[in-house]
PDB file of N, CA and C in Angstrom:
ATOM      1  N   MET A   1       0.825  -1.185   0.000  1.00  0.00           N
ATOM      2  CA  MET A   1       0.000   0.000   0.000  1.00  0.00           C
ATOM      3  C   MET A   1       0.879   1.261   0.000  1.00  0.00           C
ATOM      4  N   LYS A   2       1.934   1.244   0.793  1.00  0.00           N
ATOM      5  CA  LYS A   2       2.837   2.401   0.819  1.00  0.00           C
ATOM      6  C   LYS A   2       3.475   2.625  -0.546  1.00  0.00           C
ATOM      7  N   LYS A   3       3.890   1.530  -1.207  1.00  0.00           N
ATOM      8  CA  LYS A   3       4.579   1.651  -2.489  1.00  0.00           C
ATOM      9  C   LYS A   3       3.727   2.309  -3.555  1.00  0.00           C
ATOM     10  N   VAL A   4       2.400   2.148  -3.491  1.00  0.00           N
ATOM     11  CA  VAL A   4       1.545   2.780  -4.499  1.00  0.00           C
ATOM     12  C   VAL A   4       1.102   4.175  -4.073  1.00  0.00           C
ATOM     13  N   GLY A   5       1.457   4.587  -2.840  1.00  0.00           N
ATOM     14  CA  GLY A   5       1.208   5.968  -2.442  1.00  0.00           C
ATOM     15  C   GLY A   5       0.214   6.192  -1.331  1.00  0.00           C
ATOM     16  N   PHE A   6      -0.292   5.133  -0.702  1.00  0.00           N
ATOM     17  CA  PHE A   6      -1.238   5.317   0.390  1.00  0.00           C
ATOM     18  C   PHE A   6      -0.519   5.616   1.696  1.00  0.00           C
ATOM     19  N   ASP A   7      -1.158   6.432   2.529  1.00  0.00           N
ATOM     20  CA  ASP A   7      -0.720   6.678   3.897  1.00  0.00           C
ATOM     21  C   ASP A   7      -1.411   5.628   4.749  1.00  0.00           C
ATOM     22  N   ILE A   8      -0.641   4.688   5.305  1.00  0.00           N
ATOM     23  CA  ILE A   8      -1.244   3.629   6.114  1.00  0.00           C
ATOM     24  C   ILE A   8      -0.953   3.815   7.602  1.00  0.00           C
ATOM     25  N   GLY A   9      -0.575   4.998   7.991  1.00  0.00           N
ATOM     26  CA  GLY A   9      -0.412   5.310   9.398  1.00  0.00           C
ATOM     27  C   GLY A   9       0.647   4.459  10.076  1.00  0.00           C
ATOM     28  N   HIS A  10       0.453   4.281  11.388  1.00  0.00           N
ATOM     29  CA  HIS A  10       1.429   3.565  12.213  1.00  0.00           C
ATOM     30  C   HIS A  10       0.709   2.591  13.132  1.00  0.00           C
ATOM     31  N   SER A  11       0.091   1.582  12.577  1.00  0.00           N
ATOM     32  CA  SER A  11      -0.657   0.613  13.373  1.00  0.00           C
ATOM     33  C   SER A  11       0.249  -0.497  13.874  1.00  0.00           C
ATOM     34  N   GLN A  12      -0.019  -0.943  15.096  1.00  0.00           N
ATOM     35  CA  GLN A  12       0.690  -2.096  15.645  1.00  0.00           C
ATOM     36  C   GLN A  12      -0.303  -3.223  15.935  1.00  0.00           C
ATOM     37  N   THR A  13      -1.391  -3.225  15.194  1.00  0.00           N
ATOM     38  CA  THR A  13      -2.424  -4.237  15.331  1.00  0.00           C
ATOM     39  C   THR A  13      -2.653  -4.868  13.955  1.00  0.00           C
ATOM     40  N   PRO A  14      -3.483  -5.911  13.875  1.00  0.00           N
ATOM     41  CA  PRO A  14      -3.790  -6.485  12.562  1.00  0.00           C
ATOM     42  C   PRO A  14      -4.583  -5.537  11.655  1.00  0.00           C
ATOM     43  N   ILE A  15      -5.135  -4.481  12.235  1.00  0.00           N
ATOM     44  CA  ILE A  15      -5.911  -3.516  11.445  1.00  0.00           C
ATOM     45  C   ILE A  15      -4.956  -2.492  10.834  1.00  0.00           C
ATOM     46  N   THR A  16      -5.043  -2.345   9.514  1.00  0.00           N
ATOM     47  CA  THR A  16      -4.235  -1.345   8.815  1.00  0.00           C
ATOM     48  C   THR A  16      -5.144  -0.196   8.394  1.00  0.00           C
ATOM     49  N   PRO A  17      -4.865   1.015   8.857  1.00  0.00           N
ATOM     50  CA  PRO A  17      -5.658   2.149   8.420  1.00  0.00           C
ATOM     51  C   PRO A  17      -5.156   2.673   7.073  1.00  0.00           C
ATOM     52  N   VAL A  18      -6.068   3.055   6.225  1.00  0.00           N
ATOM     53  CA  VAL A  18      -5.729   3.758   4.995  1.00  0.00           C
ATOM     54  C   VAL A  18      -6.244   5.169   5.212  1.00  0.00           C
ATOM     55  N   MET A  19      -5.344   6.065   5.556  1.00  0.00           N
ATOM     56  CA  MET A  19      -5.699   7.420   5.966  1.00  0.00           C
ATOM     57  C   MET A  19      -6.176   8.240   4.767  1.00  0.00           C
ATOM     58  N   LEU A  20      -7.385   8.827   4.929  1.00  0.00           N
ATOM     59  CA  LEU A  20      -7.964   9.602   3.829  1.00  0.00           C
ATOM     60  C   LEU A  20      -8.324  11.027   4.234  1.00  0.00           C
ATOM     61  N   GLY A  21      -8.445  11.306   5.507  1.00  0.00           N
ATOM     62  CA  GLY A  21      -8.720  12.668   5.955  1.00  0.00           C
ATOM     63  C   GLY A  21     -10.183  12.947   6.178  1.00  0.00           C
ATOM     64  N   GLU A  22     -10.874  13.336   5.146  1.00  0.00           N
ATOM     65  CA  GLU A  22     -12.271  13.733   5.277  1.00  0.00           C
ATOM     66  C   GLU A  22     -13.222  12.537   5.246  1.00  0.00           C
ATOM     67  N   ALA A  23     -14.241  12.584   6.100  1.00  0.00           N
ATOM     68  CA  ALA A  23     -15.206  11.490   6.207  1.00  0.00           C
ATOM     69  C   ALA A  23     -15.932  11.240   4.890  1.00  0.00           C
ATOM     70  N   SER A  24     -16.273  12.289   4.183  1.00  0.00           N
ATOM     71  CA  SER A  24     -16.999  12.107   2.923  1.00  0.00           C
ATOM     72  C   SER A  24     -16.153  11.349   1.901  1.00  0.00           C
ATOM     73  N   LEU A  25     -14.851  11.610   1.875  1.00  0.00           N
ATOM     74  CA  LEU A  25     -13.953  10.895   0.979  1.00  0.00           C
ATOM     75  C   LEU A  25     -13.841   9.430   1.408  1.00  0.00           C
ATOM     76  N   ALA A  26     -13.716   9.187   2.688  1.00  0.00           N
ATOM     77  CA  ALA A  26     -13.622   7.810   3.181  1.00  0.00           C
ATOM     78  C   ALA A  26     -14.887   7.031   2.837  1.00  0.00           C
ATOM     79  N   GLN A  27     -16.044   7.661   2.990  1.00  0.00           N
ATOM     80  CA  GLN A  27     -17.303   6.991   2.662  1.00  0.00           C
ATOM     81  C   GLN A  27     -17.392   6.692   1.168  1.00  0.00           C
ATOM     82  N   LYS A  28     -16.991   7.650   0.346  1.00  0.00           N
ATOM     83  CA  LYS A  28     -17.012   7.435  -1.106  1.00  0.00           C
ATOM     84  C   LYS A  28     -16.027   6.341  -1.509  1.00  0.00           C
ATOM     85  N   PHE A  29     -14.858   6.346  -0.892  1.00  0.00           N
ATOM     86  CA  PHE A  29     -13.847   5.329  -1.168  1.00  0.00           C
ATOM     87  C   PHE A  29     -14.400   3.952  -0.801  1.00  0.00           C
ATOM     88  N   SER A  30     -14.997   3.846   0.375  1.00  0.00           N
ATOM     89  CA  SER A  30     -15.571   2.583   0.837  1.00  0.00           C
ATOM     90  C   SER A  30     -16.664   2.091  -0.106  1.00  0.00           C
ATOM     91  N   LYS A  31     -17.553   2.981  -0.523  1.00  0.00           N
ATOM     92  CA  LYS A  31     -18.646   2.596  -1.420  1.00  0.00           C
ATOM     93  C   LYS A  31     -18.105   2.161  -2.776  1.00  0.00           C
ATOM     94  N   THR A  32     -17.119   2.873  -3.291  1.00  0.00           N
ATOM     95  CA  THR A  32     -16.526   2.520  -4.576  1.00  0.00           C
ATOM     96  C   THR A  32     -15.888   1.136  -4.508  1.00  0.00           C
ATOM     97  N   LEU A  33     -15.161   0.872  -3.436  1.00  0.00           N
ATOM     98  CA  LEU A  33     -14.573  -0.461  -3.264  1.00  0.00           C
ATOM     99  C   LEU A  33     -15.661  -1.528  -3.177  1.00  0.00           C
ATOM    100  N   PHE A  34     -16.722  -1.244  -2.429  1.00  0.00           N
ATOM    101  CA  PHE A  34     -17.812  -2.214  -2.277  1.00  0.00           C
ATOM    102  C   PHE A  34     -18.430  -2.542  -3.637  1.00  0.00           C
ATOM    103  N   ASP A  35     -18.628  -1.508  -4.453  1.00  0.00           N
ATOM    104  CA  ASP A  35     -19.195  -1.717  -5.793  1.00  0.00           C
ATOM    105  C   ASP A  35     -18.282  -2.573  -6.673  1.00  0.00           C
ATOM    106  N   LYS A  36     -16.980  -2.599  -6.342  1.00  0.00           N
ATOM    107  CA  LYS A  36     -16.006  -3.388  -7.100  1.00  0.00           C
ATOM    108  C   LYS A  36     -15.760  -4.765  -6.483  1.00  0.00           C
ATOM    109  N   GLY A  37     -16.410  -5.029  -5.339  1.00  0.00           N
ATOM    110  CA  GLY A  37     -16.287  -6.357  -4.743  1.00  0.00           C
ATOM    111  C   GLY A  37     -15.455  -6.463  -3.481  1.00  0.00           C
ATOM    112  N   ILE A  38     -15.137  -5.342  -2.861  1.00  0.00           N
ATOM    113  CA  ILE A  38     -14.349  -5.359  -1.622  1.00  0.00           C
ATOM    114  C   ILE A  38     -15.109  -4.616  -0.534  1.00  0.00           C
ATOM    115  N   PHE A  39     -15.244  -5.260   0.619  1.00  0.00           N
ATOM    116  CA  PHE A  39     -15.814  -4.577   1.779  1.00  0.00           C
ATOM    117  C   PHE A  39     -14.668  -4.029   2.609  1.00  0.00           C
ATOM    118  N   ALA A  40     -14.612  -2.720   2.729  1.00  0.00           N
ATOM    119  CA  ALA A  40     -13.613  -2.037   3.545  1.00  0.00           C
ATOM    120  C   ALA A  40     -14.323  -0.859   4.199  1.00  0.00           C
ATOM    121  N   GLN A  41     -14.479  -0.940   5.493  1.00  0.00           N
ATOM    122  CA  GLN A  41     -15.297   0.013   6.257  1.00  0.00           C
ATOM    123  C   GLN A  41     -14.651   1.391   6.372  1.00  0.00           C
ATOM    124  N   ALA A  42     -15.438   2.420   6.098  1.00  0.00           N
ATOM    125  CA  ALA A  42     -15.011   3.800   6.339  1.00  0.00           C
ATOM    126  C   ALA A  42     -15.210   4.110   7.820  1.00  0.00           C
ATOM    127  N   ILE A  43     -14.252   4.778   8.422  1.00  0.00           N
ATOM    128  CA  ILE A  43     -14.318   5.167   9.832  1.00  0.00           C
ATOM    129  C   ILE A  43     -14.106   6.675   9.900  1.00  0.00           C
ATOM    130  N   GLY A  44     -15.030   7.360  10.534  1.00  0.00           N
ATOM    131  CA  GLY A  44     -14.921   8.804  10.671  1.00  0.00           C
ATOM    132  C   GLY A  44     -15.303   9.253  12.067  1.00  0.00           C
ATOM    133  N   PHE A  45     -15.426  10.552  12.233  1.00  0.00           N
ATOM    134  CA  PHE A  45     -15.815  11.163  13.502  1.00  0.00           C
ATOM    135  C   PHE A  45     -17.201  10.657  13.903  1.00  0.00           C
ATOM    136  N   PRO A  46     -17.448  10.290  15.131  1.00  0.00           N
ATOM    137  CA  PRO A  46     -16.652  10.485  16.345  1.00  0.00           C
ATOM    138  C   PRO A  46     -15.747   9.313  16.703  1.00  0.00           C
ATOM    139  N   THR A  47     -15.695   8.274  15.870  1.00  0.00           N
ATOM    140  CA  THR A  47     -14.818   7.132  16.166  1.00  0.00           C
ATOM    141  C   THR A  47     -13.357   7.548  16.106  1.00  0.00           C
ATOM    142  N   VAL A  48     -13.033   8.416  15.162  1.00  0.00           N
ATOM    143  CA  VAL A  48     -11.693   9.002  15.066  1.00  0.00           C
ATOM    144  C   VAL A  48     -11.857  10.515  15.011  1.00  0.00           C
ATOM    145  N   ALA A  49     -10.808  11.233  15.247  1.00  0.00           N
ATOM    146  CA  ALA A  49     -10.861  12.700  15.249  1.00  0.00           C
ATOM    147  C   ALA A  49     -11.286  13.242  13.887  1.00  0.00           C
ATOM    148  N   LYS A  50     -11.921  14.416  13.890  1.00  0.00           N
ATOM    149  CA  LYS A  50     -12.263  15.071  12.629  1.00  0.00           C
ATOM    150  C   LYS A  50     -10.989  15.279  11.820  1.00  0.00           C
ATOM    151  N   GLY A  51     -11.101  15.036  10.505  1.00  0.00           N
ATOM    152  CA  GLY A  51      -9.950  15.179   9.625  1.00  0.00           C
ATOM    153  C   GLY A  51      -9.031  13.967   9.611  1.00  0.00           C
ATOM    154  N   LYS A  52      -9.399  12.918  10.345  1.00  0.00           N
ATOM    155  CA  LYS A  52      -8.580  11.701  10.420  1.00  0.00           C
ATOM    156  C   LYS A  52      -9.352  10.476   9.931  1.00  0.00           C
ATOM    157  N   ALA A  53     -10.341  10.681   9.060  1.00  0.00           N
ATOM    158  CA  ALA A  53     -11.138   9.569   8.536  1.00  0.00           C
ATOM    159  C   ALA A  53     -10.244   8.616   7.761  1.00  0.00           C
ATOM    160  N   ARG A  54     -10.673   7.376   7.736  1.00  0.00           N
ATOM    161  CA  ARG A  54      -9.854   6.335   7.128  1.00  0.00           C
ATOM    162  C   ARG A  54     -10.702   5.146   6.711  1.00  0.00           C
ATOM    163  N   ILE A  55     -10.071   4.280   5.969  1.00  0.00           N
ATOM    164  CA  ILE A  55     -10.614   2.960   5.673  1.00  0.00           C
ATOM    165  C   ILE A  55      -9.829   2.003   6.552  1.00  0.00           C
ATOM    166  N   ARG A  56     -10.521   1.063   7.164  1.00  0.00           N
ATOM    167  CA  ARG A  56      -9.829   0.057   7.977  1.00  0.00           C
ATOM    168  C   ARG A  56      -9.848  -1.271   7.242  1.00  0.00           C
ATOM    169  N   VAL A  57      -8.676  -1.857   7.099  1.00  0.00           N
ATOM    170  CA  VAL A  57      -8.567  -3.177   6.473  1.00  0.00           C
ATOM    171  C   VAL A  57      -7.801  -4.100   7.407  1.00  0.00           C
ATOM    172  N   MET A  58      -8.098  -5.381   7.300  1.00  0.00           N
ATOM    173  CA  MET A  58      -7.397  -6.360   8.119  1.00  0.00           C
ATOM    174  C   MET A  58      -7.119  -7.599   7.284  1.00  0.00           C
ATOM    175  N   ILE A  59      -5.866  -7.914   7.147  1.00  0.00           N
ATOM    176  CA  ILE A  59      -5.446  -9.116   6.436  1.00  0.00           C
ATOM    177  C   ILE A  59      -5.458 -10.268   7.435  1.00  0.00           C
ATOM    178  N   SER A  60      -5.914 -11.423   6.980  1.00  0.00           N
ATOM    179  CA  SER A  60      -5.906 -12.601   7.846  1.00  0.00           C
ATOM    180  C   SER A  60      -5.336 -13.798   7.085  1.00  0.00           C
ATOM    181  N   ALA A  61      -5.159 -14.879   7.801  1.00  0.00           N
ATOM    182  CA  ALA A  61      -4.592 -16.089   7.221  1.00  0.00           C
ATOM    183  C   ALA A  61      -5.487 -16.699   6.149  1.00  0.00           C
ATOM    184  N   VAL A  62      -6.759 -16.338   6.110  1.00  0.00           N
ATOM    185  CA  VAL A  62      -7.651 -16.901   5.095  1.00  0.00           C
ATOM    186  C   VAL A  62      -7.511 -16.196   3.747  1.00  0.00           C
ATOM    187  N   HIS A  63      -6.822 -15.061   3.699  1.00  0.00           N
ATOM    188  CA  HIS A  63      -6.606 -14.358   2.442  1.00  0.00           C
ATOM    189  C   HIS A  63      -5.462 -15.011   1.673  1.00  0.00           C
ATOM    190  N   SER A  64      -5.713 -15.323   0.416  1.00  0.00           N
ATOM    191  CA  SER A  64      -4.662 -15.873  -0.444  1.00  0.00           C
ATOM    192  C   SER A  64      -3.873 -14.729  -1.079  1.00  0.00           C
ATOM    193  N   GLN A  65      -2.763 -15.066  -1.695  1.00  0.00           N
ATOM    194  CA  GLN A  65      -2.003 -14.048  -2.422  1.00  0.00           C
ATOM    195  C   GLN A  65      -2.865 -13.443  -3.527  1.00  0.00           C
ATOM    196  N   LYS A  66      -3.697 -14.276  -4.164  1.00  0.00           N
ATOM    197  CA  LYS A  66      -4.607 -13.787  -5.200  1.00  0.00           C
ATOM    198  C   LYS A  66      -5.588 -12.763  -4.620  1.00  0.00           C
ATOM    199  N   ASP A  67      -6.114 -13.034  -3.423  1.00  0.00           N
ATOM    200  CA  ASP A  67      -7.011 -12.092  -2.753  1.00  0.00           C
ATOM    201  C   ASP A  67      -6.309 -10.759  -2.504  1.00  0.00           C
ATOM    202  N   LEU A  68      -5.083 -10.843  -2.005  1.00  0.00           N
ATOM    203  CA  LEU A  68      -4.334  -9.627  -1.683  1.00  0.00           C
ATOM    204  C   LEU A  68      -4.002  -8.830  -2.937  1.00  0.00           C
ATOM    205  N   ASP A  69      -3.621  -9.510  -4.008  1.00  0.00           N
ATOM    206  CA  ASP A  69      -3.339  -8.822  -5.273  1.00  0.00           C
ATOM    207  C   ASP A  69      -4.594  -8.147  -5.814  1.00  0.00           C
ATOM    208  N   PHE A  70      -5.730  -8.854  -5.744  1.00  0.00           N
ATOM    209  CA  PHE A  70      -7.012  -8.312  -6.183  1.00  0.00           C
ATOM    210  C   PHE A  70      -7.337  -7.036  -5.404  1.00  0.00           C
ATOM    211  N   ALA A  71      -7.206  -7.106  -4.087  1.00  0.00           N
ATOM    212  CA  ALA A  71      -7.516  -5.949  -3.245  1.00  0.00           C
ATOM    213  C   ALA A  71      -6.578  -4.785  -3.537  1.00  0.00           C
ATOM    214  N   LEU A  72      -5.291  -5.062  -3.659  1.00  0.00           N
ATOM    215  CA  LEU A  72      -4.340  -3.990  -3.934  1.00  0.00           C
ATOM    216  C   LEU A  72      -4.635  -3.328  -5.272  1.00  0.00           C
ATOM    217  N   ASP A  73      -4.957  -4.112  -6.277  1.00  0.00           N
ATOM    218  CA  ASP A  73      -5.307  -3.548  -7.586  1.00  0.00           C
ATOM    219  C   ASP A  73      -6.518  -2.629  -7.482  1.00  0.00           C
ATOM    220  N   LEU A  74      -7.543  -3.072  -6.761  1.00  0.00           N
ATOM    221  CA  LEU A  74      -8.754  -2.253  -6.658  1.00  0.00           C
ATOM    222  C   LEU A  74      -8.556  -1.038  -5.763  1.00  0.00           C
ATOM    223  N   PHE A  75      -7.769  -1.168  -4.713  1.00  0.00           N
ATOM    224  CA  PHE A  75      -7.437   0.010  -3.895  1.00  0.00           C
ATOM    225  C   PHE A  75      -6.678   1.021  -4.748  1.00  0.00           C
ATOM    226  N   THR A  76      -5.737   0.541  -5.556  1.00  0.00           N
ATOM    227  CA  THR A  76      -4.948   1.432  -6.415  1.00  0.00           C
ATOM    228  C   THR A  76      -5.841   2.125  -7.440  1.00  0.00           C
ATOM    229  N   GLN A  77      -6.700   1.371  -8.104  1.00  0.00           N
ATOM    230  CA  GLN A  77      -7.647   1.964  -9.069  1.00  0.00           C
ATOM    231  C   GLN A  77      -8.488   3.033  -8.403  1.00  0.00           C
ATOM    232  N   THR A  78      -9.065   2.691  -7.264  1.00  0.00           N
ATOM    233  CA  THR A  78      -9.949   3.624  -6.558  1.00  0.00           C
ATOM    234  C   THR A  78      -9.186   4.832  -6.064  1.00  0.00           C
ATOM    235  N   GLY A  79      -7.987   4.625  -5.554  1.00  0.00           N
ATOM    236  CA  GLY A  79      -7.163   5.751  -5.100  1.00  0.00           C
ATOM    237  C   GLY A  79      -6.871   6.722  -6.224  1.00  0.00           C
ATOM    238  N   LYS A  80      -6.600   6.193  -7.403  1.00  0.00           N
ATOM    239  CA  LYS A  80      -6.344   7.067  -8.560  1.00  0.00           C
ATOM    240  C   LYS A  80      -7.622   7.758  -9.018  1.00  0.00           C
ATOM    241  N   GLU A  81      -8.727   7.018  -9.079  1.00  0.00           N
ATOM    242  CA  GLU A  81     -10.006   7.607  -9.488  1.00  0.00           C
ATOM    243  C   GLU A  81     -10.425   8.762  -8.592  1.00  0.00           C
ATOM    244  N   LEU A  82     -10.180   8.629  -7.297  1.00  0.00           N
ATOM    245  CA  LEU A  82     -10.629   9.635  -6.339  1.00  0.00           C
ATOM    246  C   LEU A  82      -9.548  10.652  -5.973  1.00  0.00           C
ATOM    247  N   GLY A  83      -8.401  10.572  -6.647  1.00  0.00           N
ATOM    248  CA  GLY A  83      -7.341  11.551  -6.442  1.00  0.00           C
ATOM    249  C   GLY A  83      -6.599  11.422  -5.119  1.00  0.00           C
ATOM    250  N   VAL A  84      -6.627  10.233  -4.544  1.00  0.00           N
ATOM    251  CA  VAL A  84      -5.935   9.999  -3.280  1.00  0.00           C
ATOM    252  C   VAL A  84      -4.455   9.707  -3.522  1.00  0.00           C
ATOM    253  N   ILE A  85      -4.193   8.993  -4.616  1.00  0.00           N
ATOM    254  CA  ILE A  85      -2.802   8.679  -4.974  1.00  0.00           C
ATOM    255  C   ILE A  85      -2.553   9.104  -6.404  1.00  0.00           C
TER     256      ILE A  85
END
């Protein structure tokens, strides 16, 4: 995610944040991903501070390399479409 230009914050948990800033952008990003076949929840205020909205993703042992490549491709497409990267 970093290599393609996303800000993934500094998590020390299995949850990786994809920092987007504004809640409306995070919601649009989440919906766009969902329409493409990926569920990635948008998180905004009051769960996180205003201006710190993000998408939360979590990789697990059930994800194959194919799953991860698919997700990275769609995150990259969506990031470019929405001007995030």
